[in-house]
Amino acid sequence: MELQIGDIVELVAELDDSVIETGSHMEVADISGNDCWVYYGNYQILPVPKTVLKKVFR
């Protein structure tokens, strides 16, 4: 899956010690290695592994 900044993604697997709930939609803010940094609610930007994200739309 090729993600780009601005893509809308969905969290498809639970993350330990994360405020992000499974099924949440987020916007990709940056991409670094195996992580995407996403905008999520009141939290400015959080890192999430690419392996637990599914692209919803651009």
PDB file of N, CA and C in Angstrom:
ATOM      1  N   MET A   1       0.853  -1.177   0.000  1.00  0.00           N
ATOM      2  CA  MET A   1       0.000   0.000   0.000  1.00  0.00           C
ATOM      3  C   MET A   1       0.894   1.234   0.000  1.00  0.00           C
ATOM      4  N   GLU A   2       0.681   2.090  -0.955  1.00  0.00           N
ATOM      5  CA  GLU A   2       1.470   3.316  -1.064  1.00  0.00           C
ATOM      6  C   GLU A   2       0.678   4.479  -0.478  1.00  0.00           C
ATOM      7  N   LEU A   3       1.061   4.909   0.697  1.00  0.00           N
ATOM      8  CA  LEU A   3       0.386   6.027   1.351  1.00  0.00           C
ATOM      9  C   LEU A   3       1.085   7.331   1.002  1.00  0.00           C
ATOM     10  N   GLN A   4       0.294   8.396   0.956  1.00  0.00           N
ATOM     11  CA  GLN A   4       0.820   9.728   0.686  1.00  0.00           C
ATOM     12  C   GLN A   4       0.277  10.697   1.724  1.00  0.00           C
ATOM     13  N   ILE A   5       1.003  11.775   1.927  1.00  0.00           N
ATOM     14  CA  ILE A   5       0.538  12.824   2.828  1.00  0.00           C
ATOM     15  C   ILE A   5      -0.814  13.326   2.330  1.00  0.00           C
ATOM     16  N   GLY A   6      -1.768  13.447   3.235  1.00  0.00           N
ATOM     17  CA  GLY A   6      -3.111  13.892   2.884  1.00  0.00           C
ATOM     18  C   GLY A   6      -4.112  12.762   2.732  1.00  0.00           C
ATOM     19  N   ASP A   7      -3.633  11.518   2.600  1.00  0.00           N
ATOM     20  CA  ASP A   7      -4.539  10.369   2.510  1.00  0.00           C
ATOM     21  C   ASP A   7      -5.341  10.232   3.803  1.00  0.00           C
ATOM     22  N   ILE A   8      -6.557   9.733   3.676  1.00  0.00           N
ATOM     23  CA  ILE A   8      -7.367   9.392   4.842  1.00  0.00           C
ATOM     24  C   ILE A   8      -7.229   7.886   5.043  1.00  0.00           C
ATOM     25  N   VAL A   9      -6.865   7.492   6.261  1.00  0.00           N
ATOM     26  CA  VAL A   9      -6.635   6.082   6.568  1.00  0.00           C
ATOM     27  C   VAL A   9      -7.500   5.654   7.748  1.00  0.00           C
ATOM     28  N   GLU A  10      -7.695   4.344   7.860  1.00  0.00           N
ATOM     29  CA  GLU A  10      -8.454   3.762   8.967  1.00  0.00           C
ATOM     30  C   GLU A  10      -7.533   2.834   9.750  1.00  0.00           C
ATOM     31  N   LEU A  11      -7.627   2.883  11.068  1.00  0.00           N
ATOM     32  CA  LEU A  11      -6.873   1.968  11.920  1.00  0.00           C
ATOM     33  C   LEU A  11      -7.608   0.632  11.935  1.00  0.00           C
ATOM     34  N   VAL A  12      -6.965  -0.431  11.439  1.00  0.00           N
ATOM     35  CA  VAL A  12      -7.641  -1.722  11.289  1.00  0.00           C
ATOM     36  C   VAL A  12      -7.216  -2.758  12.328  1.00  0.00           C
ATOM     37  N   ALA A  13      -6.289  -2.414  13.200  1.00  0.00           N
ATOM     38  CA  ALA A  13      -5.860  -3.323  14.269  1.00  0.00           C
ATOM     39  C   ALA A  13      -5.602  -2.510  15.530  1.00  0.00           C
ATOM     40  N   GLU A  14      -5.804  -3.141  16.674  1.00  0.00           N
ATOM     41  CA  GLU A  14      -5.612  -2.456  17.950  1.00  0.00           C
ATOM     42  C   GLU A  14      -4.131  -2.189  18.204  1.00  0.00           C
ATOM     43  N   LEU A  15      -3.846  -1.009  18.743  1.00  0.00           N
ATOM     44  CA  LEU A  15      -2.483  -0.647  19.133  1.00  0.00           C
ATOM     45  C   LEU A  15      -2.392  -0.617  20.651  1.00  0.00           C
ATOM     46  N   ASP A  16      -1.380  -1.264  21.198  1.00  0.00           N
ATOM     47  CA  ASP A  16      -1.159  -1.218  22.646  1.00  0.00           C
ATOM     48  C   ASP A  16      -0.734   0.183  23.054  1.00  0.00           C
ATOM     49  N   ASP A  17      -1.202   0.635  24.196  1.00  0.00           N
ATOM     50  CA  ASP A  17      -0.809   1.938  24.761  1.00  0.00           C
ATOM     51  C   ASP A  17      -1.057   3.101  23.803  1.00  0.00           C
ATOM     52  N   SER A  18      -2.167   3.069  23.078  1.00  0.00           N
ATOM     53  CA  SER A  18      -2.489   4.140  22.138  1.00  0.00           C
ATOM     54  C   SER A  18      -3.874   4.706  22.437  1.00  0.00           C
ATOM     55  N   VAL A  19      -4.025   6.001  22.234  1.00  0.00           N
ATOM     56  CA  VAL A  19      -5.324   6.649  22.410  1.00  0.00           C
ATOM     57  C   VAL A  19      -6.218   6.457  21.188  1.00  0.00           C
ATOM     58  N   ILE A  20      -5.657   5.967  20.101  1.00  0.00           N
ATOM     59  CA  ILE A  20      -6.410   5.805  18.858  1.00  0.00           C
ATOM     60  C   ILE A  20      -7.209   4.506  18.907  1.00  0.00           C
ATOM     61  N   GLU A  21      -8.510   4.602  18.642  1.00  0.00           N
ATOM     62  CA  GLU A  21      -9.390   3.439  18.673  1.00  0.00           C
ATOM     63  C   GLU A  21      -9.439   2.760  17.307  1.00  0.00           C
ATOM     64  N   THR A  22      -9.564   1.435  17.313  1.00  0.00           N
ATOM     65  CA  THR A  22      -9.716   0.677  16.076  1.00  0.00           C
ATOM     66  C   THR A  22     -10.935   1.199  15.315  1.00  0.00           C
ATOM     67  N   GLY A  23     -10.796   1.375  14.006  1.00  0.00           N
ATOM     68  CA  GLY A  23     -11.874   1.898  13.171  1.00  0.00           C
ATOM     69  C   GLY A  23     -11.821   3.399  12.985  1.00  0.00           C
ATOM     70  N   SER A  24     -10.930   4.073  13.696  1.00  0.00           N
ATOM     71  CA  SER A  24     -10.815   5.530  13.580  1.00  0.00           C
ATOM     72  C   SER A  24     -10.247   5.926  12.221  1.00  0.00           C
ATOM     73  N   HIS A  25     -10.757   7.037  11.693  1.00  0.00           N
ATOM     74  CA  HIS A  25     -10.231   7.601  10.455  1.00  0.00           C
ATOM     75  C   HIS A  25      -9.338   8.777  10.800  1.00  0.00           C
ATOM     76  N   MET A  26      -8.195   8.857  10.097  1.00  0.00           N
ATOM     77  CA  MET A  26      -7.204   9.897  10.366  1.00  0.00           C
ATOM     78  C   MET A  26      -6.603  10.365   9.054  1.00  0.00           C
ATOM     79  N   GLU A  27      -5.998  11.550   9.076  1.00  0.00           N
ATOM     80  CA  GLU A  27      -5.301  12.076   7.906  1.00  0.00           C
ATOM     81  C   GLU A  27      -3.802  11.901   8.094  1.00  0.00           C
ATOM     82  N   VAL A  28      -3.125  11.414   7.042  1.00  0.00           N
ATOM     83  CA  VAL A  28      -1.677  11.240   7.089  1.00  0.00           C
ATOM     84  C   VAL A  28      -1.007  12.611   7.010  1.00  0.00           C
ATOM     85  N   ALA A  29      -0.176  12.917   8.013  1.00  0.00           N
ATOM     86  CA  ALA A  29       0.532  14.195   8.073  1.00  0.00           C
ATOM     87  C   ALA A  29       1.961  14.074   7.560  1.00  0.00           C
ATOM     88  N   ASP A  30       2.583  12.909   7.762  1.00  0.00           N
ATOM     89  CA  ASP A  30       3.969  12.693   7.345  1.00  0.00           C
ATOM     90  C   ASP A  30       4.217  11.190   7.304  1.00  0.00           C
ATOM     91  N   ILE A  31       5.236  10.797   6.562  1.00  0.00           N
ATOM     92  CA  ILE A  31       5.601   9.392   6.458  1.00  0.00           C
ATOM     93  C   ILE A  31       7.098   9.282   6.707  1.00  0.00           C
ATOM     94  N   SER A  32       7.470   8.364   7.601  1.00  0.00           N
ATOM     95  CA  SER A  32       8.879   8.187   7.944  1.00  0.00           C
ATOM     96  C   SER A  32       9.159   6.705   8.160  1.00  0.00           C
ATOM     97  N   GLY A  33       9.893   6.100   7.248  1.00  0.00           N
ATOM     98  CA  GLY A  33      10.211   4.679   7.376  1.00  0.00           C
ATOM     99  C   GLY A  33       8.963   3.824   7.383  1.00  0.00           C
ATOM    100  N   ASN A  34       8.772   3.047   8.446  1.00  0.00           N
ATOM    101  CA  ASN A  34       7.607   2.161   8.561  1.00  0.00           C
ATOM    102  C   ASN A  34       6.446   2.793   9.314  1.00  0.00           C
ATOM    103  N   ASP A  35       6.556   4.069   9.645  1.00  0.00           N
ATOM    104  CA  ASP A  35       5.510   4.764  10.401  1.00  0.00           C
ATOM    105  C   ASP A  35       4.858   5.870   9.583  1.00  0.00           C
ATOM    106  N   CYS A  36       3.591   6.098   9.868  1.00  0.00           N
ATOM    107  CA  CYS A  36       2.878   7.272   9.374  1.00  0.00           C
ATOM    108  C   CYS A  36       2.573   8.138  10.579  1.00  0.00           C
ATOM    109  N   TRP A  37       2.738   9.411  10.437  1.00  0.00           N
ATOM    110  CA  TRP A  37       2.345  10.353  11.479  1.00  0.00           C
ATOM    111  C   TRP A  37       0.985  10.871  11.062  1.00  0.00           C
ATOM    112  N   VAL A  38       0.000  10.750  11.954  1.00  0.00           N
ATOM    113  CA  VAL A  38      -1.380  11.076  11.599  1.00  0.00           C
ATOM    114  C   VAL A  38      -1.958  12.133  12.527  1.00  0.00           C
ATOM    115  N   TYR A  39      -2.895  12.906  11.979  1.00  0.00           N
ATOM    116  CA  TYR A  39      -3.690  13.824  12.794  1.00  0.00           C
ATOM    117  C   TYR A  39      -4.816  13.011  13.403  1.00  0.00           C
ATOM    118  N   TYR A  40      -5.036  13.155  14.726  1.00  0.00           N
ATOM    119  CA  TYR A  40      -6.108  12.413  15.383  1.00  0.00           C
ATOM    120  C   TYR A  40      -6.723  13.258  16.480  1.00  0.00           C
ATOM    121  N   GLY A  41      -7.961  13.681  16.292  1.00  0.00           N
ATOM    122  CA  GLY A  41      -8.718  14.412  17.316  1.00  0.00           C
ATOM    123  C   GLY A  41      -7.958  15.559  17.936  1.00  0.00           C
ATOM    124  N   ASN A  42      -7.976  15.627  19.266  1.00  0.00           N
ATOM    125  CA  ASN A  42      -7.304  16.705  19.984  1.00  0.00           C
ATOM    126  C   ASN A  42      -5.798  16.516  20.049  1.00  0.00           C
ATOM    127  N   TYR A  43      -5.323  15.364  19.618  1.00  0.00           N
ATOM    128  CA  TYR A  43      -3.893  15.090  19.633  1.00  0.00           C
ATOM    129  C   TYR A  43      -3.317  15.573  18.315  1.00  0.00           C
ATOM    130  N   GLN A  44      -2.291  16.377  18.391  1.00  0.00           N
ATOM    131  CA  GLN A  44      -1.781  17.019  17.185  1.00  0.00           C
ATOM    132  C   GLN A  44      -1.348  15.996  16.136  1.00  0.00           C
ATOM    133  N   ILE A  45      -0.258  15.292  16.379  1.00  0.00           N
ATOM    134  CA  ILE A  45       0.223  14.299  15.426  1.00  0.00           C
ATOM    135  C   ILE A  45       0.767  13.106  16.212  1.00  0.00           C
ATOM    136  N   LEU A  46       0.358  11.907  15.811  1.00  0.00           N
ATOM    137  CA  LEU A  46       0.809  10.689  16.484  1.00  0.00           C
ATOM    138  C   LEU A  46       1.397   9.715  15.466  1.00  0.00           C
ATOM    139  N   PRO A  47       2.444   8.947  15.850  1.00  0.00           N
ATOM    140  CA  PRO A  47       3.001   7.942  14.941  1.00  0.00           C
ATOM    141  C   PRO A  47       2.194   6.644  15.000  1.00  0.00           C
ATOM    142  N   VAL A  48       1.973   6.040  13.835  1.00  0.00           N
ATOM    143  CA  VAL A  48       1.246   4.776  13.739  1.00  0.00           C
ATOM    144  C   VAL A  48       1.972   3.906  12.711  1.00  0.00           C
ATOM    145  N   PRO A  49       2.209   2.619  13.007  1.00  0.00           N
ATOM    146  CA  PRO A  49       2.845   1.733  12.022  1.00  0.00           C
ATOM    147  C   PRO A  49       1.975   1.588  10.770  1.00  0.00           C
ATOM    148  N   LYS A  50       2.598   1.597   9.599  1.00  0.00           N
ATOM    149  CA  LYS A  50       1.861   1.446   8.340  1.00  0.00           C
ATOM    150  C   LYS A  50       1.086   0.133   8.284  1.00  0.00           C
ATOM    151  N   THR A  51       1.581  -0.888   8.978  1.00  0.00           N
ATOM    152  CA  THR A  51       0.973  -2.221   8.904  1.00  0.00           C
ATOM    153  C   THR A  51      -0.429  -2.290   9.482  1.00  0.00           C
ATOM    154  N   VAL A  52      -0.836  -1.315  10.281  1.00  0.00           N
ATOM    155  CA  VAL A  52      -2.180  -1.341  10.885  1.00  0.00           C
ATOM    156  C   VAL A  52      -3.112  -0.304  10.257  1.00  0.00           C
ATOM    157  N   LEU A  53      -2.694   0.255   9.120  1.00  0.00           N
ATOM    158  CA  LEU A  53      -3.501   1.274   8.447  1.00  0.00           C
ATOM    159  C   LEU A  53      -4.035   0.766   7.119  1.00  0.00           C
ATOM    160  N   LYS A  54      -5.246   1.184   6.792  1.00  0.00           N
ATOM    161  CA  LYS A  54      -5.866   0.879   5.501  1.00  0.00           C
ATOM    162  C   LYS A  54      -6.281   2.205   4.885  1.00  0.00           C
ATOM    163  N   LYS A  55      -5.884   2.434   3.637  1.00  0.00           N
ATOM    164  CA  LYS A  55      -6.247   3.671   2.950  1.00  0.00           C
ATOM    165  C   LYS A  55      -7.747   3.665   2.665  1.00  0.00           C
ATOM    166  N   VAL A  56      -8.435   4.741   3.067  1.00  0.00           N
ATOM    167  CA  VAL A  56      -9.876   4.853   2.844  1.00  0.00           C
ATOM    168  C   VAL A  56     -10.132   5.662   1.578  1.00  0.00           C
ATOM    169  N   PHE A  57      -9.553   6.840   1.500  1.00  0.00           N
ATOM    170  CA  PHE A  57      -9.603   7.650   0.283  1.00  0.00           C
ATOM    171  C   PHE A  57      -8.595   8.771   0.361  1.00  0.00           C
ATOM    172  N   ARG A  58      -8.367   9.412  -0.762  1.00  0.00           N
ATOM    173  CA  ARG A  58      -7.389  10.503  -0.865  1.00  0.00           C
ATOM    174  C   ARG A  58      -8.129  11.790  -0.846  1.00  0.00           C
TER     175      ARG A  58
END
